[in-house]
PDB file of N, CA and C in Angstrom:
ATOM      1  N   UNK A   1     -13.078   2.295 -47.143  1.00  0.00           N
ATOM      2  CA  UNK A   1     -12.548   3.593 -47.473  1.00  0.00           C
ATOM      3  C   UNK A   1     -11.037   3.583 -47.270  1.00  0.00           C
ATOM      4  N   UNK A   2     -10.289   3.663 -48.317  1.00  0.00           N
ATOM      5  CA  UNK A   2      -8.843   3.597 -48.177  1.00  0.00           C
ATOM      6  C   UNK A   2      -8.244   4.842 -47.515  1.00  0.00           C
ATOM      7  N   UNK A   3      -8.877   5.997 -47.608  1.00  0.00           N
ATOM      8  CA  UNK A   3      -8.326   7.230 -47.032  1.00  0.00           C
ATOM      9  C   UNK A   3      -8.753   7.459 -45.593  1.00  0.00           C
ATOM     10  N   UNK A   4      -9.485   6.522 -45.021  1.00  0.00           N
ATOM     11  CA  UNK A   4      -9.990   6.704 -43.671  1.00  0.00           C
ATOM     12  C   UNK A   4      -8.852   6.535 -42.668  1.00  0.00           C
ATOM     13  N   UNK A   5      -8.553   7.577 -41.923  1.00  0.00           N
ATOM     14  CA  UNK A   5      -7.445   7.492 -40.967  1.00  0.00           C
ATOM     15  C   UNK A   5      -7.820   6.697 -39.720  1.00  0.00           C
ATOM     16  N   UNK A   6      -9.093   6.440 -39.515  1.00  0.00           N
ATOM     17  CA  UNK A   6      -9.508   5.679 -38.345  1.00  0.00           C
ATOM     18  C   UNK A   6      -9.279   4.178 -38.516  1.00  0.00           C
ATOM     19  N   UNK A   7      -9.040   3.738 -39.749  1.00  0.00           N
ATOM     20  CA  UNK A   7      -8.827   2.318 -39.985  1.00  0.00           C
ATOM     21  C   UNK A   7      -7.400   1.881 -39.652  1.00  0.00           C
ATOM     22  N   UNK A   8      -6.475   2.842 -39.544  1.00  0.00           N
ATOM     23  CA  UNK A   8      -5.079   2.515 -39.219  1.00  0.00           C
ATOM     24  C   UNK A   8      -4.869   2.622 -37.714  1.00  0.00           C
ATOM     25  N   UNK A   9      -4.028   1.780 -37.154  1.00  0.00           N
ATOM     26  CA  UNK A   9      -3.734   1.914 -35.723  1.00  0.00           C
ATOM     27  C   UNK A   9      -2.918   3.184 -35.461  1.00  0.00           C
ATOM     28  N   UNK A  10      -3.081   3.726 -34.282  1.00  0.00           N
ATOM     29  CA  UNK A  10      -2.366   4.946 -33.904  1.00  0.00           C
ATOM     30  C   UNK A  10      -0.940   4.590 -33.515  1.00  0.00           C
ATOM     31  N   UNK A  11       0.011   5.275 -34.115  1.00  0.00           N
ATOM     32  CA  UNK A  11       1.420   5.067 -33.785  1.00  0.00           C
ATOM     33  C   UNK A  11       1.864   6.194 -32.853  1.00  0.00           C
ATOM     34  N   UNK A  12       2.232   5.886 -31.636  1.00  0.00           N
ATOM     35  CA  UNK A  12       2.639   6.951 -30.715  1.00  0.00           C
ATOM     36  C   UNK A  12       3.976   7.565 -31.140  1.00  0.00           C
ATOM     37  N   UNK A  13       4.087   8.846 -30.958  1.00  0.00           N
ATOM     38  CA  UNK A  13       5.324   9.553 -31.252  1.00  0.00           C
ATOM     39  C   UNK A  13       6.180   9.523 -29.984  1.00  0.00           C
ATOM     40  N   UNK A  14       7.258   8.795 -30.021  1.00  0.00           N
ATOM     41  CA  UNK A  14       8.084   8.616 -28.837  1.00  0.00           C
ATOM     42  C   UNK A  14       8.720   9.912 -28.352  1.00  0.00           C
ATOM     43  N   UNK A  15       8.988  10.837 -29.262  1.00  0.00           N
ATOM     44  CA  UNK A  15       9.570  12.116 -28.874  1.00  0.00           C
ATOM     45  C   UNK A  15       8.624  12.922 -27.989  1.00  0.00           C
ATOM     46  N   UNK A  16       7.349  12.938 -28.372  1.00  0.00           N
ATOM     47  CA  UNK A  16       6.353  13.657 -27.577  1.00  0.00           C
ATOM     48  C   UNK A  16       6.170  12.968 -26.230  1.00  0.00           C
ATOM     49  N   UNK A  17       6.135  11.654 -26.237  1.00  0.00           N
ATOM     50  CA  UNK A  17       5.953  10.912 -24.983  1.00  0.00           C
ATOM     51  C   UNK A  17       7.120  11.166 -24.038  1.00  0.00           C
ATOM     52  N   UNK A  18       8.341  11.136 -24.560  1.00  0.00           N
ATOM     53  CA  UNK A  18       9.516  11.404 -23.715  1.00  0.00           C
ATOM     54  C   UNK A  18       9.474  12.814 -23.146  1.00  0.00           C
ATOM     55  N   UNK A  19       9.111  13.778 -23.985  1.00  0.00           N
ATOM     56  CA  UNK A  19       9.043  15.165 -23.542  1.00  0.00           C
ATOM     57  C   UNK A  19       7.978  15.334 -22.458  1.00  0.00           C
ATOM     58  N   UNK A  20       6.832  14.678 -22.634  1.00  0.00           N
ATOM     59  CA  UNK A  20       5.770  14.762 -21.633  1.00  0.00           C
ATOM     60  C   UNK A  20       6.218  14.156 -20.307  1.00  0.00           C
ATOM     61  N   UNK A  21       6.835  12.979 -20.369  1.00  0.00           N
ATOM     62  CA  UNK A  21       7.303  12.352 -19.141  1.00  0.00           C
ATOM     63  C   UNK A  21       8.379  13.193 -18.466  1.00  0.00           C
ATOM     64  N   UNK A  22       9.235  13.838 -19.245  1.00  0.00           N
ATOM     65  CA  UNK A  22      10.259  14.716 -18.677  1.00  0.00           C
ATOM     66  C   UNK A  22       9.604  15.870 -17.924  1.00  0.00           C
ATOM     67  N   UNK A  23       8.569  16.477 -18.518  1.00  0.00           N
ATOM     68  CA  UNK A  23       7.883  17.600 -17.862  1.00  0.00           C
ATOM     69  C   UNK A  23       7.184  17.141 -16.581  1.00  0.00           C
ATOM     70  N   UNK A  24       6.568  15.978 -16.625  1.00  0.00           N
ATOM     71  CA  UNK A  24       5.892  15.459 -15.436  1.00  0.00           C
ATOM     72  C   UNK A  24       6.901  15.189 -14.326  1.00  0.00           C
ATOM     73  N   UNK A  25       8.023  14.545 -14.693  1.00  0.00           N
ATOM     74  CA  UNK A  25       9.067  14.288 -13.692  1.00  0.00           C
ATOM     75  C   UNK A  25       9.631  15.587 -13.145  1.00  0.00           C
ATOM     76  N   UNK A  26       9.803  16.577 -14.007  1.00  0.00           N
ATOM     77  CA  UNK A  26      10.327  17.870 -13.588  1.00  0.00           C
ATOM     78  C   UNK A  26       9.400  18.514 -12.549  1.00  0.00           C
ATOM     79  N   UNK A  27       8.100  18.447 -12.783  1.00  0.00           N
ATOM     80  CA  UNK A  27       7.132  19.003 -11.828  1.00  0.00           C
ATOM     81  C   UNK A  27       7.148  18.226 -10.518  1.00  0.00           C
ATOM     82  N   UNK A  28       7.201  16.898 -10.615  1.00  0.00           N
ATOM     83  CA  UNK A  28       7.202  16.085  -9.397  1.00  0.00           C
ATOM     84  C   UNK A  28       8.451  16.318  -8.554  1.00  0.00           C
ATOM     85  N   UNK A  29       9.609  16.392  -9.200  1.00  0.00           N
ATOM     86  CA  UNK A  29      10.842  16.627  -8.455  1.00  0.00           C
ATOM     87  C   UNK A  29      10.848  18.015  -7.824  1.00  0.00           C
ATOM     88  N   UNK A  30      10.327  19.011  -8.538  1.00  0.00           N
ATOM     89  CA  UNK A  30      10.253  20.357  -7.974  1.00  0.00           C
ATOM     90  C   UNK A  30       9.358  20.397  -6.749  1.00  0.00           C
ATOM     91  N   UNK A  31       8.198  19.757  -6.827  1.00  0.00           N
ATOM     92  CA  UNK A  31       7.290  19.717  -5.680  1.00  0.00           C
ATOM     93  C   UNK A  31       7.902  18.916  -4.531  1.00  0.00           C
ATOM     94  N   UNK A  32       8.590  17.843  -4.861  1.00  0.00           N
ATOM     95  CA  UNK A  32       9.228  17.024  -3.824  1.00  0.00           C
ATOM     96  C   UNK A  32      10.309  17.815  -3.087  1.00  0.00           C
ATOM     97  N   UNK A  33      11.148  18.531  -3.831  1.00  0.00           N
ATOM     98  CA  UNK A  33      12.208  19.329  -3.199  1.00  0.00           C
ATOM     99  C   UNK A  33      11.601  20.433  -2.353  1.00  0.00           C
ATOM    100  N   UNK A  34      10.555  21.077  -2.871  1.00  0.00           N
ATOM    101  CA  UNK A  34       9.883  22.120  -2.093  1.00  0.00           C
ATOM    102  C   UNK A  34       9.369  21.562  -0.769  1.00  0.00           C
ATOM    103  N   UNK A  35       8.720  20.409  -0.821  1.00  0.00           N
ATOM    104  CA  UNK A  35       8.159  19.827   0.392  1.00  0.00           C
ATOM    105  C   UNK A  35       9.243  19.348   1.350  1.00  0.00           C
ATOM    106  N   UNK A  36      10.338  18.822   0.843  1.00  0.00           N
ATOM    107  CA  UNK A  36      11.434  18.370   1.703  1.00  0.00           C
ATOM    108  C   UNK A  36      12.039  19.546   2.467  1.00  0.00           C
ATOM    109  N   UNK A  37      12.132  20.706   1.802  1.00  0.00           N
ATOM    110  CA  UNK A  37      12.740  21.875   2.433  1.00  0.00           C
ATOM    111  C   UNK A  37      11.717  22.692   3.217  1.00  0.00           C
ATOM    112  N   UNK A  38      10.565  22.960   2.607  1.00  0.00           N
ATOM    113  CA  UNK A  38       9.607  23.899   3.190  1.00  0.00           C
ATOM    114  C   UNK A  38       8.811  23.375   4.365  1.00  0.00           C
ATOM    115  N   UNK A  39       8.388  22.150   4.326  1.00  0.00           N
ATOM    116  CA  UNK A  39       7.526  21.623   5.385  1.00  0.00           C
ATOM    117  C   UNK A  39       8.237  21.561   6.744  1.00  0.00           C
ATOM    118  N   UNK A  40       9.465  21.054   6.830  1.00  0.00           N
ATOM    119  CA  UNK A  40      10.122  21.060   8.138  1.00  0.00           C
ATOM    120  C   UNK A  40      10.363  22.468   8.688  1.00  0.00           C
ATOM    121  N   UNK A  41      10.693  23.408   7.812  1.00  0.00           N
ATOM    122  CA  UNK A  41      10.894  24.777   8.288  1.00  0.00           C
ATOM    123  C   UNK A  41       9.581  25.350   8.797  1.00  0.00           C
ATOM    124  N   UNK A  42       8.492  25.130   8.063  1.00  0.00           N
ATOM    125  CA  UNK A  42       7.184  25.634   8.491  1.00  0.00           C
ATOM    126  C   UNK A  42       6.709  24.950   9.771  1.00  0.00           C
ATOM    127  N   UNK A  43       7.085  23.704   9.974  1.00  0.00           N
ATOM    128  CA  UNK A  43       6.672  22.979  11.175  1.00  0.00           C
ATOM    129  C   UNK A  43       7.485  23.374  12.406  1.00  0.00           C
ATOM    130  N   UNK A  44       8.591  24.074  12.207  1.00  0.00           N
ATOM    131  CA  UNK A  44       9.395  24.517  13.336  1.00  0.00           C
ATOM    132  C   UNK A  44      10.470  23.551  13.766  1.00  0.00           C
ATOM    133  N   UNK A  45      10.842  22.626  12.898  1.00  0.00           N
ATOM    134  CA  UNK A  45      11.868  21.644  13.239  1.00  0.00           C
ATOM    135  C   UNK A  45      13.226  22.316  13.462  1.00  0.00           C
ATOM    136  N   UNK A  46      13.480  23.366  12.689  1.00  0.00           N
ATOM    137  CA  UNK A  46      14.774  24.041  12.779  1.00  0.00           C
ATOM    138  C   UNK A  46      14.810  25.127  13.857  1.00  0.00           C
ATOM    139  N   UNK A  47      13.702  25.364  14.538  1.00  0.00           N
ATOM    140  CA  UNK A  47      13.683  26.441  15.529  1.00  0.00           C
ATOM    141  C   UNK A  47      14.600  26.196  16.725  1.00  0.00           C
ATOM    142  N   UNK A  48      14.620  24.998  17.317  1.00  0.00           N
ATOM    143  CA  UNK A  48      15.498  24.806  18.484  1.00  0.00           C
ATOM    144  C   UNK A  48      16.983  25.010  18.172  1.00  0.00           C
ATOM    145  N   UNK A  49      17.421  24.609  17.021  1.00  0.00           N
ATOM    146  CA  UNK A  49      18.850  24.710  16.698  1.00  0.00           C
ATOM    147  C   UNK A  49      19.235  26.065  16.122  1.00  0.00           C
ATOM    148  N   UNK A  50      18.414  26.592  15.213  1.00  0.00           N
ATOM    149  CA  UNK A  50      18.787  27.794  14.472  1.00  0.00           C
ATOM    150  C   UNK A  50      17.855  28.979  14.709  1.00  0.00           C
ATOM    151  N   UNK A  51      16.825  28.808  15.531  1.00  0.00           N
ATOM    152  CA  UNK A  51      15.808  29.841  15.767  1.00  0.00           C
ATOM    153  C   UNK A  51      15.231  30.335  14.443  1.00  0.00           C
ATOM    154  N   UNK A  52      14.935  29.387  13.567  1.00  0.00           N
ATOM    155  CA  UNK A  52      14.425  29.689  12.242  1.00  0.00           C
ATOM    156  C   UNK A  52      12.985  29.210  12.129  1.00  0.00           C
ATOM    157  N   UNK A  53      12.082  30.171  11.952  1.00  0.00           N
ATOM    158  CA  UNK A  53      10.677  29.859  11.708  1.00  0.00           C
ATOM    159  C   UNK A  53      10.258  30.499  10.398  1.00  0.00           C
ATOM    160  N   UNK A  54       9.264  29.916   9.770  1.00  0.00           N
ATOM    161  CA  UNK A  54       8.757  30.440   8.507  1.00  0.00           C
ATOM    162  C   UNK A  54       7.438  31.149   8.773  1.00  0.00           C
ATOM    163  N   UNK A  55       7.379  32.407   8.383  1.00  0.00           N
ATOM    164  CA  UNK A  55       6.155  33.180   8.519  1.00  0.00           C
ATOM    165  C   UNK A  55       5.061  32.504   7.687  1.00  0.00           C
ATOM    166  N   UNK A  56       3.849  32.361   8.229  1.00  0.00           N
ATOM    167  CA  UNK A  56       2.778  31.704   7.461  1.00  0.00           C
ATOM    168  C   UNK A  56       2.469  32.385   6.131  1.00  0.00           C
ATOM    169  N   UNK A  57       2.638  33.707   6.070  1.00  0.00           N
ATOM    170  CA  UNK A  57       2.398  34.416   4.816  1.00  0.00           C
ATOM    171  C   UNK A  57       3.438  34.009   3.757  1.00  0.00           C
ATOM    172  N   UNK A  58       4.676  33.856   4.184  1.00  0.00           N
ATOM    173  CA  UNK A  58       5.733  33.436   3.256  1.00  0.00           C
ATOM    174  C   UNK A  58       5.512  31.984   2.830  1.00  0.00           C
ATOM    175  N   UNK A  59       5.083  31.160   3.772  1.00  0.00           N
ATOM    176  CA  UNK A  59       4.799  29.754   3.441  1.00  0.00           C
ATOM    177  C   UNK A  59       3.655  29.659   2.431  1.00  0.00           C
ATOM    178  N   UNK A  60       2.618  30.485   2.603  1.00  0.00           N
ATOM    179  CA  UNK A  60       1.494  30.480   1.660  1.00  0.00           C
ATOM    180  C   UNK A  60       1.946  30.958   0.282  1.00  0.00           C
ATOM    181  N   UNK A  61       2.787  31.981   0.256  1.00  0.00           N
ATOM    182  CA  UNK A  61       3.295  32.481  -1.028  1.00  0.00           C
ATOM    183  C   UNK A  61       4.162  31.419  -1.709  1.00  0.00           C
ATOM    184  N   UNK A  62       4.974  30.726  -0.944  1.00  0.00           N
ATOM    185  CA  UNK A  62       5.823  29.675  -1.518  1.00  0.00           C
ATOM    186  C   UNK A  62       4.979  28.530  -2.064  1.00  0.00           C
ATOM    187  N   UNK A  63       3.923  28.167  -1.359  1.00  0.00           N
ATOM    188  CA  UNK A  63       3.042  27.097  -1.841  1.00  0.00           C
ATOM    189  C   UNK A  63       2.319  27.541  -3.114  1.00  0.00           C
ATOM    190  N   UNK A  64       1.899  28.793  -3.151  1.00  0.00           N
ATOM    191  CA  UNK A  64       1.249  29.313  -4.357  1.00  0.00           C
ATOM    192  C   UNK A  64       2.220  29.310  -5.530  1.00  0.00           C
ATOM    193  N   UNK A  65       3.456  29.734  -5.283  1.00  0.00           N
ATOM    194  CA  UNK A  65       4.462  29.725  -6.345  1.00  0.00           C
ATOM    195  C   UNK A  65       4.723  28.310  -6.838  1.00  0.00           C
ATOM    196  N   UNK A  66       4.722  27.352  -5.920  1.00  0.00           N
ATOM    197  CA  UNK A  66       4.919  25.960  -6.309  1.00  0.00           C
ATOM    198  C   UNK A  66       3.793  25.496  -7.232  1.00  0.00           C
ATOM    199  N   UNK A  67       2.562  25.849  -6.891  1.00  0.00           N
ATOM    200  CA  UNK A  67       1.419  25.464  -7.721  1.00  0.00           C
ATOM    201  C   UNK A  67       1.473  26.147  -9.084  1.00  0.00           C
ATOM    202  N   UNK A  68       1.824  27.416  -9.096  1.00  0.00           N
ATOM    203  CA  UNK A  68       1.914  28.146 -10.360  1.00  0.00           C
ATOM    204  C   UNK A  68       3.008  27.559 -11.247  1.00  0.00           C
ATOM    205  N   UNK A  69       4.128  27.149 -10.645  1.00  0.00           N
ATOM    206  CA  UNK A  69       5.207  26.579 -11.445  1.00  0.00           C
ATOM    207  C   UNK A  69       4.801  25.233 -12.046  1.00  0.00           C
ATOM    208  N   UNK A  70       4.026  24.445 -11.322  1.00  0.00           N
ATOM    209  CA  UNK A  70       3.540  23.165 -11.866  1.00  0.00           C
ATOM    210  C   UNK A  70       2.578  23.425 -13.024  1.00  0.00           C
ATOM    211  N   UNK A  71       1.701  24.418 -12.868  1.00  0.00           N
ATOM    212  CA  UNK A  71       0.750  24.744 -13.931  1.00  0.00           C
ATOM    213  C   UNK A  71       1.481  25.295 -15.153  1.00  0.00           C
ATOM    214  N   UNK A  72       2.470  26.158 -14.925  1.00  0.00           N
ATOM    215  CA  UNK A  72       3.243  26.706 -16.042  1.00  0.00           C
ATOM    216  C   UNK A  72       3.988  25.599 -16.778  1.00  0.00           C
ATOM    217  N   UNK A  73       4.488  24.638 -16.027  1.00  0.00           N
ATOM    218  CA  UNK A  73       5.181  23.509 -16.644  1.00  0.00           C
ATOM    219  C   UNK A  73       4.205  22.678 -17.487  1.00  0.00           C
ATOM    220  N   UNK A  74       2.987  22.512 -17.001  1.00  0.00           N
ATOM    221  CA  UNK A  74       1.982  21.769 -17.766  1.00  0.00           C
ATOM    222  C   UNK A  74       1.578  22.530 -19.028  1.00  0.00           C
ATOM    223  N   UNK A  75       1.514  23.852 -18.941  1.00  0.00           N
ATOM    224  CA  UNK A  75       1.156  24.644 -20.113  1.00  0.00           C
ATOM    225  C   UNK A  75       2.244  24.607 -21.178  1.00  0.00           C
ATOM    226  N   UNK A  76       3.473  24.353 -20.767  1.00  0.00           N
ATOM    227  CA  UNK A  76       4.550  24.205 -21.748  1.00  0.00           C
ATOM    228  C   UNK A  76       4.302  23.004 -22.658  1.00  0.00           C
ATOM    229  N   UNK A  77       3.559  22.028 -22.175  1.00  0.00           N
ATOM    230  CA  UNK A  77       3.245  20.855 -23.004  1.00  0.00           C
ATOM    231  C   UNK A  77       2.319  21.245 -24.157  1.00  0.00           C
ATOM    232  N   UNK A  78       1.451  22.221 -23.927  1.00  0.00           N
ATOM    233  CA  UNK A  78       0.515  22.629 -24.980  1.00  0.00           C
ATOM    234  C   UNK A  78       1.235  23.311 -26.133  1.00  0.00           C
ATOM    235  N   UNK A  79       2.379  23.933 -25.834  1.00  0.00           N
ATOM    236  CA  UNK A  79       3.078  24.663 -26.885  1.00  0.00           C
ATOM    237  C   UNK A  79       4.049  23.779 -27.669  1.00  0.00           C
ATOM    238  N   UNK A  80       4.071  22.495 -27.365  1.00  0.00           N
ATOM    239  CA  UNK A  80       4.974  21.580 -28.069  1.00  0.00           C
ATOM    240  C   UNK A  80       4.523  21.424 -29.514  1.00  0.00           C
ATOM    241  N   UNK A  81       5.497  21.425 -30.392  1.00  0.00           N
ATOM    242  CA  UNK A  81       5.194  21.242 -31.818  1.00  0.00           C
ATOM    243  C   UNK A  81       5.030  19.761 -32.116  1.00  0.00           C
ATOM    244  N   UNK A  82       3.993  19.451 -32.842  1.00  0.00           N
ATOM    245  CA  UNK A  82       3.728  18.051 -33.197  1.00  0.00           C
ATOM    246  C   UNK A  82       4.378  17.702 -34.501  1.00  0.00           C
TER     247      UNK A  82
END
């Protein structure tokens, strides 16, 4: 069958691949920065020097926002034009 698209090898679209990798890196860097900043504050590392503690409710909200931002970033991939 000459019109059969399954007989041809799949050619990856480099633009889509680059965009996907950019979004994945963007999510990873955002989560990494959040954890670098948020975890020590929540653990009380800054309390002896600055008397700075993070309320558990605020920490939970920040973690939820981090998760929502990763999901929103992933959903942006679905809206990409092919």
